Amino acid sequence: MLKAKDQFIEFANHIFLVILIIVAMIMLVTLGGVGFFIAIMQKLVPFSFVGFIFFIIARIHKKRSDVIKRGGIPEENLNYITAMDRVKSFLYTFIPPIAILGIGKYIGGGINPGDLAQSVGIFLIVNIWHLLLFNKNNLERVVFLTNRDEARDMMMICYISMIIFFFSDFKLMDWRTDVLQAVSAFVLMYILHKRLFRRRVK
């Protein structure tokens, strides 16, 4: 039986495809028909390039996670997380949403509904993932993170960064702003990732 973390990863692997299909259908039916849909597809070319990079990174780390799970690479503890580390990580998760809103306001010309959806979506999903990653149901004050957790966390960073594209306001879409928001979110979450998985074993 899959553990909660594995179930969440499997859910993330499939939900993005479902969202893409739903968004395409909504745009086709409600936002101007085939002509509008084709115009949106043309604007999505830059998104596709950045999204493809995120997707490749996610697949690489998924394969690494699977290899560790099968025993091809020994699973080892990399770091331990204390209660204070959890608090610091939670406070840090406010930074990517604030950055998204800041980029929307000062570079995109103003905060639109897409920016709000992106920031809220990223904040919620990051914290749900961290609840599972840090195993908050564990009564112990210290939780160990492994090299497999590291691979899975990188997968989630890539998937979460692609949320920017799914929650864009397609009527107001400025691909430069959204790409910058996605890359900024990725970089900020990667900084937290490197801190969480630095080698620090008791």
Protein backbone atom coordinates (compact mmCIF):
# COMPACT_ATOMS: atom_id res chain seq x y z
CA MET A 1 0.00 0.00 0.00
CA LEU A 2 1.30 3.43 -0.95
CA LYS A 3 2.29 5.80 1.83
CA ALA A 4 0.72 9.27 1.98
CA LYS A 5 3.75 10.91 0.38
CA ASP A 6 3.73 8.43 -2.52
CA GLN A 7 -0.02 8.87 -2.99
CA PHE A 8 0.41 12.64 -3.15
CA ILE A 9 3.18 12.28 -5.75
CA GLU A 10 1.07 9.92 -7.88
CA PHE A 11 -1.82 12.36 -7.63
CA ALA A 12 0.44 15.21 -8.78
CA ASN A 13 1.69 13.11 -11.71
CA HIS A 14 -1.85 12.76 -13.08
CA ILE A 15 -3.65 15.91 -12.00
CA PHE A 16 -1.70 18.21 -14.34
CA LEU A 17 -2.81 16.31 -17.43
CA VAL A 18 -6.42 16.44 -16.22
CA ILE A 19 -6.16 20.20 -15.57
CA LEU A 20 -4.72 20.78 -19.05
CA ILE A 21 -7.64 18.97 -20.66
CA ILE A 22 -10.23 20.81 -18.56
CA VAL A 23 -8.65 24.23 -19.24
CA ALA A 24 -8.54 23.49 -22.97
CA MET A 25 -12.23 22.52 -23.01
CA ILE A 26 -13.28 25.60 -21.03
CA MET A 27 -11.33 27.92 -23.32
CA LEU A 28 -12.75 26.26 -26.41
CA VAL A 29 -16.36 26.51 -25.22
CA THR A 30 -16.52 29.78 -23.29
CA LEU A 31 -13.67 32.07 -24.32
CA GLY A 32 -14.19 32.64 -28.01
CA GLY A 33 -14.21 29.33 -29.80
CA VAL A 34 -11.56 27.81 -32.03
CA GLY A 35 -9.96 31.10 -33.11
CA PHE A 36 -9.34 32.18 -29.54
CA PHE A 37 -8.08 28.71 -28.66
CA ILE A 38 -5.54 28.80 -31.50
CA ALA A 39 -4.37 32.26 -30.41
CA ILE A 40 -3.87 30.97 -26.87
CA MET A 41 -1.91 27.98 -28.17
CA GLN A 42 0.43 30.38 -29.96
CA LYS A 43 0.98 32.31 -26.74
CA LEU A 44 1.65 29.07 -24.88
CA VAL A 45 4.79 28.31 -26.89
CA PRO A 46 7.11 30.10 -24.38
CA PHE A 47 5.26 28.36 -21.53
CA SER A 48 5.77 25.02 -23.23
CA PHE A 49 9.55 25.52 -23.35
CA VAL A 50 9.86 26.38 -19.64
CA GLY A 51 7.25 23.78 -18.68
CA PHE A 52 9.13 21.13 -20.66
CA ILE A 53 12.31 21.88 -18.67
CA PHE A 54 10.37 21.54 -15.40
CA PHE A 55 8.80 18.31 -16.66
CA ILE A 56 12.19 16.78 -17.59
CA ILE A 57 13.67 17.68 -14.19
CA ALA A 58 10.63 16.14 -12.49
CA ARG A 59 10.92 12.92 -14.50
CA ILE A 60 14.64 12.60 -13.72
CA HIS A 61 13.96 12.83 -10.00
CA LYS A 62 10.97 10.51 -10.24
CA LYS A 63 13.19 7.85 -11.78
CA ARG A 64 15.75 8.40 -9.02
CA SER A 65 13.02 8.04 -6.39
CA ASP A 66 11.82 4.81 -8.01
CA VAL A 67 15.37 3.41 -8.11
CA ILE A 68 15.85 4.16 -4.41
CA LYS A 69 12.46 2.62 -3.62
CA ARG A 70 13.42 -0.60 -5.45
CA GLY A 71 16.74 -0.74 -3.60
CA GLY A 72 18.96 0.11 -6.56
CA ILE A 73 20.37 2.99 -4.53
CA PRO A 74 20.49 2.71 -0.73
CA GLU A 75 18.10 5.05 1.06
CA GLU A 76 20.01 7.17 3.54
CA ASN A 77 19.25 9.97 5.96
CA LEU A 78 20.46 13.35 4.76
CA ASN A 79 19.12 15.75 7.36
CA TYR A 80 16.94 15.95 10.43
CA ILE A 81 14.10 18.43 10.85
CA THR A 82 13.28 19.91 14.22
CA ALA A 83 10.14 21.75 15.31
CA MET A 84 11.95 25.06 14.74
CA ASP A 85 12.95 23.98 11.21
CA ARG A 86 9.28 23.33 10.48
CA VAL A 87 8.30 26.80 11.68
CA LYS A 88 11.03 28.44 9.59
CA SER A 89 9.99 26.42 6.53
CA PHE A 90 6.36 27.46 6.99
CA LEU A 91 7.30 31.13 7.24
CA TYR A 92 9.48 30.79 4.13
CA THR A 93 6.53 29.44 2.12
CA PHE A 94 5.02 32.95 2.19
CA ILE A 95 7.91 34.26 0.06
CA PRO A 96 7.09 32.60 -3.34
CA PRO A 97 3.43 33.83 -3.30
CA ILE A 98 4.57 37.34 -2.33
CA ALA A 99 7.13 37.25 -5.17
CA ILE A 100 4.42 36.19 -7.64
CA LEU A 101 2.17 39.07 -6.57
CA GLY A 102 5.10 41.51 -6.65
CA ILE A 103 6.07 40.50 -10.19
CA GLY A 104 2.44 40.79 -11.27
CA LYS A 105 2.12 44.27 -9.78
CA TYR A 106 5.42 45.85 -10.76
CA ILE A 107 6.26 44.01 -13.99
CA GLY A 108 2.90 42.75 -15.25
CA GLY A 109 1.15 46.09 -14.76
CA GLY A 110 -1.07 45.04 -11.88
CA ILE A 111 -2.31 42.07 -9.88
CA ASN A 112 -4.98 40.14 -11.78
CA PRO A 113 -7.15 37.16 -10.71
CA GLY A 114 -4.63 34.78 -12.26
CA ASP A 115 -1.86 36.13 -10.00
CA LEU A 116 -4.07 35.65 -6.94
CA ALA A 117 -4.96 32.09 -7.96
CA GLN A 118 -1.29 31.28 -8.59
CA SER A 119 -0.09 32.62 -5.23
CA VAL A 120 -2.86 30.95 -3.22
CA GLY A 121 -2.48 27.67 -5.12
CA ILE A 122 1.27 27.52 -4.60
CA PHE A 123 1.02 28.40 -0.91
CA LEU A 124 -1.59 25.71 -0.23
CA ILE A 125 0.06 22.92 -2.22
CA VAL A 126 3.53 23.61 -0.81
CA ASN A 127 2.22 23.43 2.74
CA ILE A 128 0.16 20.30 2.09
CA TRP A 129 3.27 18.68 0.65
CA HIS A 130 5.37 19.77 3.63
CA LEU A 131 2.78 18.32 6.02
CA LEU A 132 3.40 14.96 4.37
CA LEU A 133 7.14 15.44 3.94
CA PHE A 134 7.69 16.37 7.58
CA ASN A 135 5.26 13.70 8.78
CA LYS A 136 3.43 16.03 11.18
CA ASN A 137 1.47 13.07 12.58
CA ASN A 138 4.74 11.77 13.97
CA LEU A 139 4.83 12.63 17.67
CA GLU A 140 8.61 12.79 17.69
CA ARG A 141 10.13 16.27 17.65
CA VAL A 142 12.76 15.28 15.08
CA VAL A 143 12.00 13.85 11.63
CA PHE A 144 14.70 12.54 9.30
CA LEU A 145 14.70 13.35 5.58
CA THR A 146 16.24 10.85 3.16
CA ASN A 147 17.73 10.97 -0.32
CA ARG A 148 14.41 9.61 -1.61
CA ASP A 149 12.58 12.50 0.07
CA GLU A 150 15.05 14.81 -1.68
CA ALA A 151 14.14 13.37 -5.09
CA ARG A 152 10.42 13.58 -4.38
CA ASP A 153 10.73 17.16 -3.15
CA MET A 154 12.43 18.19 -6.40
CA MET A 155 9.58 16.57 -8.32
CA MET A 156 7.05 18.59 -6.35
CA ILE A 157 8.99 21.83 -6.85
CA CYS A 158 8.74 21.34 -10.62
CA TYR A 159 5.05 20.45 -10.53
CA ILE A 160 4.23 23.36 -8.21
CA SER A 161 6.13 25.80 -10.46
CA MET A 162 3.96 24.71 -13.40
CA ILE A 163 0.87 25.81 -11.46
CA ILE A 164 1.71 29.31 -12.71
CA PHE A 165 0.75 28.24 -16.22
CA PHE A 166 -2.44 26.45 -15.23
CA PHE A 167 -3.80 29.43 -13.28
CA SER A 168 -2.91 32.17 -15.73
CA ASP A 169 -5.61 34.66 -16.62
CA PHE A 170 -5.80 33.73 -20.29
CA LYS A 171 -7.64 36.90 -21.29
CA LEU A 172 -4.86 39.06 -19.84
CA MET A 173 -2.00 36.65 -20.37
CA ASP A 174 1.46 38.19 -20.60
CA TRP A 175 3.80 35.25 -21.12
CA ARG A 176 6.87 37.22 -20.01
CA THR A 177 5.33 37.93 -16.61
CA ASP A 178 4.05 34.38 -16.10
CA VAL A 179 7.36 32.79 -17.14
CA LEU A 180 9.23 35.11 -14.75
CA GLN A 181 6.77 34.20 -11.98
CA ALA A 182 7.23 30.47 -12.63
CA VAL A 183 11.03 30.69 -12.71
CA SER A 184 11.07 32.86 -9.57
CA ALA A 185 8.83 30.40 -7.72
CA PHE A 186 11.10 27.53 -8.78
CA VAL A 187 14.27 29.32 -7.65
CA LEU A 188 12.80 30.36 -4.28
CA MET A 189 11.50 26.86 -3.56
CA TYR A 190 14.82 25.38 -4.67
CA ILE A 191 16.62 27.56 -2.10
CA LEU A 192 14.39 26.08 0.62
CA HIS A 193 14.98 22.60 -0.84
CA LYS A 194 18.75 22.99 -0.56
CA ARG A 195 18.41 24.09 3.05
CA LEU A 196 16.10 21.22 3.97
CA PHE A 197 18.34 18.59 2.40
CA ARG A 198 21.77 19.82 3.39
CA ARG A 199 23.70 17.00 5.07
CA ARG A 200 23.15 17.30 8.79
CA VAL A 201 22.69 13.91 10.40
CA LYS A 202 22.77 13.21 14.14
